[in-house]
Amino acid sequence: MRHIRLAFYSAAHFWVDLSCALLLLGVVCPEADPVRCILLYNFSAFAVQMPIGLLADRLNRNHQVAAAGCGLVAAAWFLTKGAEAAVLAGVGNALFHVGGGLDTMNWSGEKAGPLGVFVSPGAAGLFLGAAARGAAEALALPVCGVLVAAAVLILLWCRGRENPPAALPEGRGKWLPALLCLLLVVVLRSWNGFLFRFPWKGALGAPLTCAVVLGKTAGGLAADRFGTSRTAAITLGLSAFCFLGSDWAPIGLLGVFLFQMTMPLTLWAAGQLLPSAKGLAFGVLTFGLFLGALPTHLGWEPIMPGPEVYAATAILSLPLLCYGLCTAQKRR
């Protein structure tokens, strides 16, 4: 039953992200200022997860929060007035991520594998939604139908374990620096993803997306099998080496795969640091996704983004992630 629930939440994650990408790129942006709408969407979808997570910790209705997210994304299709639709879809996305993420965290216990399985389909949904944006109007009703069906099924079937009584742990001097290190790892990973300028990127969009999806999935499974710190050290070290030769597609894809393996590790560690505030922990890290994307949205990029910059972000992430993981392990 637990595996079926995880599979359903993962499929719903895929569909929510596909729906948001399809709406934003196929309907909203062609009718409004695309830069402003994408920035508002990213803020609503990622930065807003922090206060939503804090609220979800106290509400203790994770499945209802996730279902509300599906409903809001569906409702955004009927509000095609530029910024308003982008914000509504973004908030719906945030609600689903927090609700589904909290349920997954509660059921997974001390395992990182389920977190990787839950988060990974989102990248595939975004890619396919962007690819199908030309048919957005024709797909509106089927997309909304699936979203509504997902909301109903979540309400009826996906009641997860209850959250612990919401509270921040004592000893802030121990867990707060570790949480900030994890936040910086997420910022670097997000920033790096927007920096990628591989010469083969345009022709190999689908394999690149597969590398992201499979990397996130494999990261959690590898951590459960070999340990979180060992997995982090090996994957980030090898990814930095691969990034130096990333102009060759096979090596570049391997580098992206290894680099993305850190995603479930950061979520796992944040949940261990804040066991009674996992929604807040989840939201803090997704806020890092927004911060990492912000320089690109504002046009702030290195003068010459390239393999050396990609490798440097992987190397810089290594001590930050290992410190966060080691602190989380001590607090278990």
C-alpha atoms as a PDB file:
ATOM      1  CA  MET A   1       0.000   0.000   0.000  1.00  0.00           C
ATOM      2  CA  ARG A   2       2.823   2.389   0.849  1.00  0.00           C
ATOM      3  CA  HIS A   3       4.444   1.853  -2.562  1.00  0.00           C
ATOM      4  CA  ILE A   4       1.126   2.405  -4.355  1.00  0.00           C
ATOM      5  CA  ARG A   5       0.607   5.656  -2.466  1.00  0.00           C
ATOM      6  CA  LEU A   6       4.107   6.826  -3.395  1.00  0.00           C
ATOM      7  CA  ALA A   7       3.542   5.910  -7.047  1.00  0.00           C
ATOM      8  CA  PHE A   8       0.286   7.874  -7.088  1.00  0.00           C
ATOM      9  CA  TYR A   9       1.814  10.973  -5.491  1.00  0.00           C
ATOM     10  CA  SER A  10       4.726  10.783  -7.947  1.00  0.00           C
ATOM     11  CA  ALA A  11       2.344  10.536 -10.911  1.00  0.00           C
ATOM     12  CA  ALA A  12       0.337  13.466  -9.555  1.00  0.00           C
ATOM     13  CA  HIS A  13       3.559  15.463  -9.184  1.00  0.00           C
ATOM     14  CA  PHE A  14       4.336  14.795 -12.838  1.00  0.00           C
ATOM     15  CA  TRP A  15       0.886  15.951 -13.899  1.00  0.00           C
ATOM     16  CA  VAL A  16       0.834  19.081 -11.728  1.00  0.00           C
ATOM     17  CA  ASP A  17       4.184  20.264 -13.105  1.00  0.00           C
ATOM     18  CA  LEU A  18       3.182  19.377 -16.666  1.00  0.00           C
ATOM     19  CA  SER A  19      -0.050  21.332 -16.244  1.00  0.00           C
ATOM     20  CA  CYS A  20       1.741  24.380 -14.845  1.00  0.00           C
ATOM     21  CA  ALA A  21       4.342  24.410 -17.641  1.00  0.00           C
ATOM     22  CA  LEU A  22       1.666  23.949 -20.293  1.00  0.00           C
ATOM     23  CA  LEU A  23      -0.490  26.755 -18.872  1.00  0.00           C
ATOM     24  CA  LEU A  24       2.348  29.166 -18.251  1.00  0.00           C
ATOM     25  CA  LEU A  25       4.216  28.736 -21.549  1.00  0.00           C
ATOM     26  CA  GLY A  26       1.266  27.905 -23.808  1.00  0.00           C
ATOM     27  CA  VAL A  27      -1.404  30.297 -22.556  1.00  0.00           C
ATOM     28  CA  VAL A  28      -0.184  32.885 -20.054  1.00  0.00           C
ATOM     29  CA  CYS A  29       3.153  34.028 -21.493  1.00  0.00           C
ATOM     30  CA  PRO A  30       1.911  34.532 -25.080  1.00  0.00           C
ATOM     31  CA  GLU A  31      -0.754  36.908 -23.733  1.00  0.00           C
ATOM     32  CA  ALA A  32       1.356  38.844 -21.214  1.00  0.00           C
ATOM     33  CA  ASP A  33       4.894  39.868 -20.283  1.00  0.00           C
ATOM     34  CA  PRO A  34       6.656  36.473 -20.169  1.00  0.00           C
ATOM     35  CA  VAL A  35       9.542  37.553 -17.919  1.00  0.00           C
ATOM     36  CA  ARG A  36       7.205  39.029 -15.315  1.00  0.00           C
ATOM     37  CA  CYS A  37       4.845  36.047 -15.417  1.00  0.00           C
ATOM     38  CA  ILE A  38       7.605  33.467 -15.076  1.00  0.00           C
ATOM     39  CA  LEU A  39       9.149  35.379 -12.172  1.00  0.00           C
ATOM     40  CA  LEU A  40       5.775  35.627 -10.411  1.00  0.00           C
ATOM     41  CA  TYR A  41       5.096  31.941 -11.029  1.00  0.00           C
ATOM     42  CA  ASN A  42       8.479  30.852  -9.667  1.00  0.00           C
ATOM     43  CA  PHE A  43       8.038  33.016  -6.585  1.00  0.00           C
ATOM     44  CA  SER A  44       4.542  31.623  -5.957  1.00  0.00           C
ATOM     45  CA  ALA A  45       5.544  28.020  -6.654  1.00  0.00           C
ATOM     46  CA  PHE A  46       8.807  27.909  -4.697  1.00  0.00           C
ATOM     47  CA  ALA A  47       9.289  30.820  -2.292  1.00  0.00           C
ATOM     48  CA  VAL A  48       5.710  30.570  -0.992  1.00  0.00           C
ATOM     49  CA  GLN A  49       6.274  26.938   0.026  1.00  0.00           C
ATOM     50  CA  MET A  50       8.057  28.150   3.162  1.00  0.00           C
ATOM     51  CA  PRO A  51       5.022  29.819   4.817  1.00  0.00           C
ATOM     52  CA  ILE A  52       2.731  27.112   3.422  1.00  0.00           C
ATOM     53  CA  GLY A  53       4.979  24.462   4.970  1.00  0.00           C
ATOM     54  CA  LEU A  54       4.877  26.232   8.321  1.00  0.00           C
ATOM     55  CA  LEU A  55       1.081  26.329   8.142  1.00  0.00           C
ATOM     56  CA  ALA A  56       0.846  22.692   7.026  1.00  0.00           C
ATOM     57  CA  ASP A  57       2.902  21.578  10.022  1.00  0.00           C
ATOM     58  CA  ARG A  58       0.220  22.993  12.293  1.00  0.00           C
ATOM     59  CA  LEU A  59      -2.856  22.092  10.226  1.00  0.00           C
ATOM     60  CA  ASN A  60      -1.835  18.426  10.019  1.00  0.00           C
ATOM     61  CA  ARG A  61      -4.003  17.912   6.909  1.00  0.00           C
ATOM     62  CA  ASN A  62      -1.334  17.063   4.366  1.00  0.00           C
ATOM     63  CA  HIS A  63      -3.598  15.246   1.914  1.00  0.00           C
ATOM     64  CA  GLN A  64      -6.069  18.125   1.945  1.00  0.00           C
ATOM     65  CA  VAL A  65      -3.269  20.606   1.244  1.00  0.00           C
ATOM     66  CA  ALA A  66      -2.096  18.480  -1.703  1.00  0.00           C
ATOM     67  CA  ALA A  67      -5.641  18.138  -3.049  1.00  0.00           C
ATOM     68  CA  ALA A  68      -6.182  21.896  -2.778  1.00  0.00           C
ATOM     69  CA  GLY A  69      -3.041  22.377  -4.844  1.00  0.00           C
ATOM     70  CA  CYS A  70      -4.396  20.201  -7.664  1.00  0.00           C
ATOM     71  CA  GLY A  71      -7.674  22.130  -7.554  1.00  0.00           C
ATOM     72  CA  LEU A  72      -5.987  25.541  -7.733  1.00  0.00           C
ATOM     73  CA  VAL A  73      -3.844  24.527 -10.702  1.00  0.00           C
ATOM     74  CA  ALA A  74      -7.008  23.387 -12.495  1.00  0.00           C
ATOM     75  CA  ALA A  75      -8.771  26.656 -11.583  1.00  0.00           C
ATOM     76  CA  ALA A  76      -5.874  28.681 -12.984  1.00  0.00           C
ATOM     77  CA  TRP A  77      -6.756  27.435 -16.478  1.00  0.00           C
ATOM     78  CA  PHE A  78     -10.011  29.391 -16.279  1.00  0.00           C
ATOM     79  CA  LEU A  79      -8.217  32.579 -15.241  1.00  0.00           C
ATOM     80  CA  THR A  80      -6.081  33.269 -18.294  1.00  0.00           C
ATOM     81  CA  LYS A  81      -5.315  36.890 -17.427  1.00  0.00           C
ATOM     82  CA  GLY A  82      -1.566  36.824 -17.341  1.00  0.00           C
ATOM     83  CA  ALA A  83      -0.077  37.446 -13.911  1.00  0.00           C
ATOM     84  CA  GLU A  84      -3.181  36.327 -11.983  1.00  0.00           C
ATOM     85  CA  ALA A  85      -3.178  32.908 -13.624  1.00  0.00           C
ATOM     86  CA  ALA A  86       0.575  32.547 -13.094  1.00  0.00           C
ATOM     87  CA  VAL A  87       0.256  33.318  -9.386  1.00  0.00           C
ATOM     88  CA  LEU A  88      -2.723  31.001  -8.884  1.00  0.00           C
ATOM     89  CA  ALA A  89      -0.989  28.119 -10.663  1.00  0.00           C
ATOM     90  CA  GLY A  90       2.168  28.773  -8.662  1.00  0.00           C
ATOM     91  CA  VAL A  91       0.351  28.713  -5.325  1.00  0.00           C
ATOM     92  CA  GLY A  92      -1.433  25.520  -6.365  1.00  0.00           C
ATOM     93  CA  ASN A  93       1.900  23.963  -7.257  1.00  0.00           C
ATOM     94  CA  ALA A  94       3.310  25.012  -3.872  1.00  0.00           C
ATOM     95  CA  LEU A  95       0.347  23.527  -1.994  1.00  0.00           C
ATOM     96  CA  PHE A  96       0.680  20.208  -3.788  1.00  0.00           C
ATOM     97  CA  HIS A  97       4.434  19.994  -3.234  1.00  0.00           C
ATOM     98  CA  VAL A  98       4.139  20.708   0.486  1.00  0.00           C
ATOM     99  CA  GLY A  99       1.194  18.374   1.096  1.00  0.00           C
ATOM    100  CA  GLY A 100       2.568  15.518  -0.992  1.00  0.00           C
ATOM    101  CA  GLY A 101       6.087  16.075   0.282  1.00  0.00           C
ATOM    102  CA  LEU A 102       4.995  15.985   3.919  1.00  0.00           C
ATOM    103  CA  ASP A 103       3.031  12.788   3.414  1.00  0.00           C
ATOM    104  CA  THR A 104       6.045  11.217   1.720  1.00  0.00           C
ATOM    105  CA  MET A 105       8.380  12.373   4.482  1.00  0.00           C
ATOM    106  CA  ASN A 106       6.122  10.967   7.184  1.00  0.00           C
ATOM    107  CA  TRP A 107       5.752   7.590   5.505  1.00  0.00           C
ATOM    108  CA  SER A 108       9.401   7.257   4.501  1.00  0.00           C
ATOM    109  CA  GLY A 109      10.666   7.612   8.050  1.00  0.00           C
ATOM    110  CA  GLU A 110      14.470   7.579   7.927  1.00  0.00           C
ATOM    111  CA  LYS A 111      14.640   6.552   4.255  1.00  0.00           C
ATOM    112  CA  ALA A 112      15.732   8.949   1.518  1.00  0.00           C
ATOM    113  CA  GLY A 113      14.667   6.763  -1.418  1.00  0.00           C
ATOM    114  CA  PRO A 114      10.953   7.668  -1.387  1.00  0.00           C
ATOM    115  CA  LEU A 115      11.810  11.373  -1.417  1.00  0.00           C
ATOM    116  CA  GLY A 116      13.813  10.918  -4.613  1.00  0.00           C
ATOM    117  CA  VAL A 117      10.977   8.977  -6.211  1.00  0.00           C
ATOM    118  CA  PHE A 118       8.469  11.698  -5.267  1.00  0.00           C
ATOM    119  CA  VAL A 119      10.454  14.728  -6.488  1.00  0.00           C
ATOM    120  CA  SER A 120      11.935  13.279  -9.685  1.00  0.00           C
ATOM    121  CA  PRO A 121       8.850  13.186 -12.000  1.00  0.00           C
ATOM    122  CA  GLY A 122       8.459  16.957 -11.780  1.00  0.00           C
ATOM    123  CA  ALA A 123      11.316  17.587 -14.206  1.00  0.00           C
ATOM    124  CA  ALA A 124       9.743  15.251 -16.757  1.00  0.00           C
ATOM    125  CA  GLY A 125       6.418  17.045 -16.394  1.00  0.00           C
ATOM    126  CA  LEU A 126       8.010  20.446 -16.939  1.00  0.00           C
ATOM    127  CA  PHE A 127       9.857  19.228 -20.029  1.00  0.00           C
ATOM    128  CA  LEU A 128       6.794  17.644 -21.655  1.00  0.00           C
ATOM    129  CA  GLY A 129       4.578  20.577 -20.721  1.00  0.00           C
ATOM    130  CA  ALA A 130       7.007  22.976 -22.374  1.00  0.00           C
ATOM    131  CA  ALA A 131       7.260  20.736 -25.449  1.00  0.00           C
ATOM    132  CA  ALA A 132       3.458  20.585 -25.847  1.00  0.00           C
ATOM    133  CA  ARG A 133       2.800  24.288 -25.248  1.00  0.00           C
ATOM    134  CA  GLY A 134       1.661  24.783 -28.841  1.00  0.00           C
ATOM    135  CA  ALA A 135      -1.357  22.546 -28.146  1.00  0.00           C
ATOM    136  CA  ALA A 136      -2.210  24.097 -24.772  1.00  0.00           C
ATOM    137  CA  GLU A 137      -5.720  25.228 -25.714  1.00  0.00           C
ATOM    138  CA  ALA A 138      -6.687  21.805 -27.050  1.00  0.00           C
ATOM    139  CA  LEU A 139      -5.351  20.067 -23.940  1.00  0.00           C
ATOM    140  CA  ALA A 140      -7.042  22.356 -21.411  1.00  0.00           C
ATOM    141  CA  LEU A 141     -10.074  20.171 -20.619  1.00  0.00           C
ATOM    142  CA  PRO A 142      -8.201  16.832 -20.408  1.00  0.00           C
ATOM    143  CA  VAL A 143      -5.557  18.416 -18.193  1.00  0.00           C
ATOM    144  CA  CYS A 144      -8.109  19.952 -15.839  1.00  0.00           C
ATOM    145  CA  GLY A 145     -10.051  16.675 -15.730  1.00  0.00           C
ATOM    146  CA  VAL A 146      -7.007  14.735 -14.573  1.00  0.00           C
ATOM    147  CA  LEU A 147      -6.184  17.405 -11.975  1.00  0.00           C
ATOM    148  CA  VAL A 148      -9.691  17.294 -10.511  1.00  0.00           C
ATOM    149  CA  ALA A 149      -9.644  13.487 -10.487  1.00  0.00           C
ATOM    150  CA  ALA A 150      -6.283  13.563  -8.691  1.00  0.00           C
ATOM    151  CA  ALA A 151      -7.657  15.981  -6.081  1.00  0.00           C
ATOM    152  CA  VAL A 152     -10.647  13.718  -5.406  1.00  0.00           C
ATOM    153  CA  LEU A 153      -8.484  10.602  -5.127  1.00  0.00           C
ATOM    154  CA  ILE A 154      -6.075  12.332  -2.751  1.00  0.00           C
ATOM    155  CA  LEU A 155      -8.961  13.405  -0.514  1.00  0.00           C
ATOM    156  CA  LEU A 156     -10.487   9.932  -0.470  1.00  0.00           C
ATOM    157  CA  TRP A 157      -7.408   7.730  -0.316  1.00  0.00           C
ATOM    158  CA  CYS A 158      -4.140   9.487   0.492  1.00  0.00           C
ATOM    159  CA  ARG A 159      -4.509  10.221   4.183  1.00  0.00           C
ATOM    160  CA  GLY A 160      -0.961   9.864   5.455  1.00  0.00           C
ATOM    161  CA  ARG A 161       0.513   9.565   8.908  1.00  0.00           C
ATOM    162  CA  GLU A 162      -0.040  12.505  11.177  1.00  0.00           C
ATOM    163  CA  ASN A 163       2.658  15.119  11.624  1.00  0.00           C
ATOM    164  CA  PRO A 164       4.365  15.320  14.999  1.00  0.00           C
ATOM    165  CA  PRO A 165       3.240  18.274  17.156  1.00  0.00           C
ATOM    166  CA  ALA A 166       4.712  21.291  15.360  1.00  0.00           C
ATOM    167  CA  ALA A 167       7.737  22.748  17.109  1.00  0.00           C
ATOM    168  CA  LEU A 168      11.293  23.801  16.337  1.00  0.00           C
ATOM    169  CA  PRO A 169      13.937  21.691  18.087  1.00  0.00           C
ATOM    170  CA  GLU A 170      16.098  23.105  20.844  1.00  0.00           C
ATOM    171  CA  GLY A 171      19.734  23.916  20.277  1.00  0.00           C
ATOM    172  CA  ARG A 172      19.335  26.338  17.405  1.00  0.00           C
ATOM    173  CA  GLY A 173      23.086  26.833  17.287  1.00  0.00           C
ATOM    174  CA  LYS A 174      23.435  23.229  16.097  1.00  0.00           C
ATOM    175  CA  TRP A 175      20.639  22.733  13.556  1.00  0.00           C
ATOM    176  CA  LEU A 176      20.328  26.240  12.082  1.00  0.00           C
ATOM    177  CA  PRO A 177      23.862  26.396  10.578  1.00  0.00           C
ATOM    178  CA  ALA A 178      23.336  22.924   9.095  1.00  0.00           C
ATOM    179  CA  LEU A 179      19.996  23.958   7.595  1.00  0.00           C
ATOM    180  CA  LEU A 180      21.590  27.062   6.081  1.00  0.00           C
ATOM    181  CA  CYS A 181      24.306  24.881   4.538  1.00  0.00           C
ATOM    182  CA  LEU A 182      21.625  22.677   2.963  1.00  0.00           C
ATOM    183  CA  LEU A 183      19.879  25.804   1.684  1.00  0.00           C
ATOM    184  CA  LEU A 184      23.112  26.955   0.023  1.00  0.00           C
ATOM    185  CA  VAL A 185      23.514  23.533  -1.625  1.00  0.00           C
ATOM    186  CA  VAL A 186      20.048  23.880  -3.153  1.00  0.00           C
ATOM    187  CA  VAL A 187      20.786  27.450  -4.273  1.00  0.00           C
ATOM    188  CA  LEU A 188      23.970  26.292  -6.000  1.00  0.00           C
ATOM    189  CA  ARG A 189      22.228  23.346  -7.671  1.00  0.00           C
ATOM    190  CA  SER A 190      19.403  25.557  -8.931  1.00  0.00           C
ATOM    191  CA  TRP A 191      21.788  28.260 -10.130  1.00  0.00           C
ATOM    192  CA  ASN A 192      23.955  25.692 -11.883  1.00  0.00           C
ATOM    193  CA  GLY A 193      20.923  24.243 -13.666  1.00  0.00           C
ATOM    194  CA  PHE A 194      20.107  27.620 -15.172  1.00  0.00           C
ATOM    195  CA  LEU A 195      23.750  28.201 -16.122  1.00  0.00           C
ATOM    196  CA  PHE A 196      24.181  25.052 -18.207  1.00  0.00           C
ATOM    197  CA  ARG A 197      25.251  26.040 -21.727  1.00  0.00           C
ATOM    198  CA  PHE A 198      26.221  22.655 -23.107  1.00  0.00           C
ATOM    199  CA  PRO A 199      26.802  22.793 -26.888  1.00  0.00           C
ATOM    200  CA  TRP A 200      24.560  19.736 -27.251  1.00  0.00           C
ATOM    201  CA  LYS A 201      21.807  20.909 -24.889  1.00  0.00           C
ATOM    202  CA  GLY A 202      19.289  21.930 -27.561  1.00  0.00           C
ATOM    203  CA  ALA A 203      19.567  18.700 -29.517  1.00  0.00           C
ATOM    204  CA  LEU A 204      19.494  16.416 -26.472  1.00  0.00           C
ATOM    205  CA  GLY A 205      16.780  17.971 -24.322  1.00  0.00           C
ATOM    206  CA  ALA A 206      15.041  14.655 -23.662  1.00  0.00           C
ATOM    207  CA  PRO A 207      18.205  12.785 -22.540  1.00  0.00           C
ATOM    208  CA  LEU A 208      19.132  15.753 -20.354  1.00  0.00           C
ATOM    209  CA  THR A 209      15.722  15.613 -18.676  1.00  0.00           C
ATOM    210  CA  CYS A 210      16.114  11.863 -18.176  1.00  0.00           C
ATOM    211  CA  ALA A 211      19.471  12.483 -16.498  1.00  0.00           C
ATOM    212  CA  VAL A 212      17.800  14.901 -14.075  1.00  0.00           C
ATOM    213  CA  VAL A 213      14.887  12.568 -13.322  1.00  0.00           C
ATOM    214  CA  LEU A 214      16.977   9.433 -12.927  1.00  0.00           C
ATOM    215  CA  GLY A 215      19.608  11.271 -10.894  1.00  0.00           C
ATOM    216  CA  LYS A 216      17.090  12.437  -8.298  1.00  0.00           C
ATOM    217  CA  THR A 217      15.609   8.951  -8.077  1.00  0.00           C
ATOM    218  CA  ALA A 218      18.972   7.224  -7.820  1.00  0.00           C
ATOM    219  CA  GLY A 219      20.287   9.636  -5.188  1.00  0.00           C
ATOM    220  CA  GLY A 220      17.808   8.594  -2.523  1.00  0.00           C
ATOM    221  CA  LEU A 221      18.122   4.895  -3.307  1.00  0.00           C
ATOM    222  CA  ALA A 222      21.935   5.071  -3.218  1.00  0.00           C
ATOM    223  CA  ALA A 223      21.856   6.918   0.101  1.00  0.00           C
ATOM    224  CA  ASP A 224      19.711   4.189   1.666  1.00  0.00           C
ATOM    225  CA  ARG A 225      22.094   1.534   0.369  1.00  0.00           C
ATOM    226  CA  PHE A 226      25.528   3.126   0.867  1.00  0.00           C
ATOM    227  CA  GLY A 227      24.931   5.955   3.351  1.00  0.00           C
ATOM    228  CA  THR A 228      24.185   9.622   2.819  1.00  0.00           C
ATOM    229  CA  SER A 229      27.656  11.089   3.389  1.00  0.00           C
ATOM    230  CA  ARG A 230      29.390   8.519   1.205  1.00  0.00           C
ATOM    231  CA  THR A 231      26.835   9.031  -1.564  1.00  0.00           C
ATOM    232  CA  ALA A 232      27.275  12.813  -1.390  1.00  0.00           C
ATOM    233  CA  ALA A 233      31.072  12.646  -1.501  1.00  0.00           C
ATOM    234  CA  ILE A 234      31.226  10.235  -4.423  1.00  0.00           C
ATOM    235  CA  THR A 235      28.513  11.817  -6.556  1.00  0.00           C
ATOM    236  CA  LEU A 236      29.633  15.426  -6.147  1.00  0.00           C
ATOM    237  CA  GLY A 237      33.296  14.549  -6.639  1.00  0.00           C
ATOM    238  CA  LEU A 238      32.595  12.574  -9.789  1.00  0.00           C
ATOM    239  CA  SER A 239      30.146  15.173 -11.112  1.00  0.00           C
ATOM    240  CA  ALA A 240      32.790  17.907 -10.801  1.00  0.00           C
ATOM    241  CA  PHE A 241      35.214  15.741 -12.776  1.00  0.00           C
ATOM    242  CA  CYS A 242      32.582  15.041 -15.434  1.00  0.00           C
ATOM    243  CA  PHE A 243      31.623  18.702 -15.752  1.00  0.00           C
ATOM    244  CA  LEU A 244      35.179  19.504 -16.838  1.00  0.00           C
ATOM    245  CA  GLY A 245      34.568  17.340 -19.919  1.00  0.00           C
ATOM    246  CA  SER A 246      30.899  18.228 -20.327  1.00  0.00           C
ATOM    247  CA  ASP A 247      31.288  19.533 -23.887  1.00  0.00           C
ATOM    248  CA  TRP A 248      31.094  15.852 -24.870  1.00  0.00           C
ATOM    249  CA  ALA A 249      27.460  14.831 -24.422  1.00  0.00           C
ATOM    250  CA  PRO A 250      27.897  11.425 -22.664  1.00  0.00           C
ATOM    251  CA  ILE A 251      30.213  12.905 -20.026  1.00  0.00           C
ATOM    252  CA  GLY A 252      28.016  15.973 -19.592  1.00  0.00           C
ATOM    253  CA  LEU A 253      24.891  13.851 -19.120  1.00  0.00           C
ATOM    254  CA  LEU A 254      26.698  11.733 -16.540  1.00  0.00           C
ATOM    255  CA  GLY A 255      27.762  14.888 -14.710  1.00  0.00           C
ATOM    256  CA  VAL A 256      24.178  16.159 -14.575  1.00  0.00           C
ATOM    257  CA  PHE A 257      22.939  12.743 -13.409  1.00  0.00           C
ATOM    258  CA  LEU A 258      25.476  12.641 -10.561  1.00  0.00           C
ATOM    259  CA  PHE A 259      24.922  16.277  -9.567  1.00  0.00           C
ATOM    260  CA  GLN A 260      21.155  15.807  -9.304  1.00  0.00           C
ATOM    261  CA  MET A 261      21.612  12.862  -6.929  1.00  0.00           C
ATOM    262  CA  THR A 262      22.007  15.360  -4.084  1.00  0.00           C
ATOM    263  CA  MET A 263      18.367  16.504  -4.277  1.00  0.00           C
ATOM    264  CA  PRO A 264      16.789  13.820  -2.034  1.00  0.00           C
ATOM    265  CA  LEU A 265      19.794  13.977   0.304  1.00  0.00           C
ATOM    266  CA  THR A 266      19.109  17.624   1.127  1.00  0.00           C
ATOM    267  CA  LEU A 267      15.405  16.919   1.709  1.00  0.00           C
ATOM    268  CA  TRP A 268      16.184  13.940   3.933  1.00  0.00           C
ATOM    269  CA  ALA A 269      18.699  15.895   6.008  1.00  0.00           C
ATOM    270  CA  ALA A 270      16.368  18.877   6.438  1.00  0.00           C
ATOM    271  CA  GLY A 271      13.595  16.563   7.637  1.00  0.00           C
ATOM    272  CA  GLN A 272      15.960  14.981  10.168  1.00  0.00           C
ATOM    273  CA  LEU A 273      17.080  18.391  11.424  1.00  0.00           C
ATOM    274  CA  LEU A 274      13.482  19.587  11.903  1.00  0.00           C
ATOM    275  CA  PRO A 275      11.519  16.395  12.686  1.00  0.00           C
ATOM    276  CA  SER A 276       8.558  18.346  14.073  1.00  0.00           C
ATOM    277  CA  ALA A 277       8.627  21.035  11.377  1.00  0.00           C
ATOM    278  CA  LYS A 278       9.173  19.063   8.172  1.00  0.00           C
ATOM    279  CA  GLY A 279       6.869  21.322   6.200  1.00  0.00           C
ATOM    280  CA  LEU A 280       9.018  24.314   7.108  1.00  0.00           C
ATOM    281  CA  ALA A 281      12.155  22.313   6.263  1.00  0.00           C
ATOM    282  CA  PHE A 282      10.710  21.395   2.866  1.00  0.00           C
ATOM    283  CA  GLY A 283       9.744  25.020   2.222  1.00  0.00           C
ATOM    284  CA  VAL A 284      13.153  26.390   3.193  1.00  0.00           C
ATOM    285  CA  LEU A 285      14.836  24.202   0.576  1.00  0.00           C
ATOM    286  CA  THR A 286      12.356  25.058  -2.167  1.00  0.00           C
ATOM    287  CA  PHE A 287      12.962  28.718  -1.351  1.00  0.00           C
ATOM    288  CA  GLY A 288      16.548  27.901  -2.290  1.00  0.00           C
ATOM    289  CA  LEU A 289      15.327  26.834  -5.739  1.00  0.00           C
ATOM    290  CA  PHE A 290      13.827  30.290  -6.215  1.00  0.00           C
ATOM    291  CA  LEU A 291      16.977  32.050  -4.983  1.00  0.00           C
ATOM    292  CA  GLY A 292      19.114  29.990  -7.359  1.00  0.00           C
ATOM    293  CA  ALA A 293      16.915  30.914 -10.317  1.00  0.00           C
ATOM    294  CA  LEU A 294      16.710  34.607  -9.428  1.00  0.00           C
ATOM    295  CA  PRO A 295      20.088  35.702 -10.896  1.00  0.00           C
ATOM    296  CA  THR A 296      19.122  34.256 -14.276  1.00  0.00           C
ATOM    297  CA  HIS A 297      15.713  35.934 -14.192  1.00  0.00           C
ATOM    298  CA  LEU A 298      17.426  39.252 -13.440  1.00  0.00           C
ATOM    299  CA  GLY A 299      20.106  38.726 -16.073  1.00  0.00           C
ATOM    300  CA  TRP A 300      22.984  38.255 -13.612  1.00  0.00           C
ATOM    301  CA  GLU A 301      25.262  35.555 -14.996  1.00  0.00           C
ATOM    302  CA  PRO A 302      29.000  34.868 -14.941  1.00  0.00           C
ATOM    303  CA  ILE A 303      30.841  36.476 -17.831  1.00  0.00           C
ATOM    304  CA  MET A 304      31.861  33.084 -19.184  1.00  0.00           C
ATOM    305  CA  PRO A 305      29.683  30.257 -17.801  1.00  0.00           C
ATOM    306  CA  GLY A 306      31.312  26.980 -18.709  1.00  0.00           C
ATOM    307  CA  PRO A 307      32.693  23.658 -17.481  1.00  0.00           C
ATOM    308  CA  GLU A 308      34.947  25.224 -14.843  1.00  0.00           C
ATOM    309  CA  VAL A 309      32.017  27.088 -13.277  1.00  0.00           C
ATOM    310  CA  TYR A 310      29.849  23.951 -13.256  1.00  0.00           C
ATOM    311  CA  ALA A 311      32.639  21.952 -11.602  1.00  0.00           C
ATOM    312  CA  ALA A 312      33.277  24.690  -9.039  1.00  0.00           C
ATOM    313  CA  THR A 313      29.642  24.654  -7.881  1.00  0.00           C
ATOM    314  CA  ALA A 314      29.852  20.878  -7.356  1.00  0.00           C
ATOM    315  CA  ILE A 315      33.083  21.167  -5.353  1.00  0.00           C
ATOM    316  CA  LEU A 316      31.699  24.051  -3.278  1.00  0.00           C
ATOM    317  CA  SER A 317      28.534  22.058  -2.556  1.00  0.00           C
ATOM    318  CA  LEU A 318      30.466  19.097  -1.151  1.00  0.00           C
ATOM    319  CA  PRO A 319      31.571  20.450   2.277  1.00  0.00           C
ATOM    320  CA  LEU A 320      28.257  22.246   2.735  1.00  0.00           C
ATOM    321  CA  LEU A 321      26.235  19.099   2.073  1.00  0.00           C
ATOM    322  CA  CYS A 322      28.476  16.849   4.150  1.00  0.00           C
ATOM    323  CA  TYR A 323      28.204  19.206   7.128  1.00  0.00           C
ATOM    324  CA  GLY A 324      24.416  19.239   6.844  1.00  0.00           C
ATOM    325  CA  LEU A 325      24.249  15.448   6.495  1.00  0.00           C
ATOM    326  CA  CYS A 326      26.607  14.770   9.418  1.00  0.00           C
ATOM    327  CA  THR A 327      24.646  17.122  11.672  1.00  0.00           C
ATOM    328  CA  ALA A 328      21.385  15.489  10.651  1.00  0.00           C
ATOM    329  CA  GLN A 329      22.763  12.021  11.410  1.00  0.00           C
ATOM    330  CA  LYS A 330      23.830  13.112  14.900  1.00  0.00           C
ATOM    331  CA  ARG A 331      20.317  14.400  15.657  1.00  0.00           C
ATOM    332  CA  ARG A 332      18.565  11.133  14.690  1.00  0.00           C
END
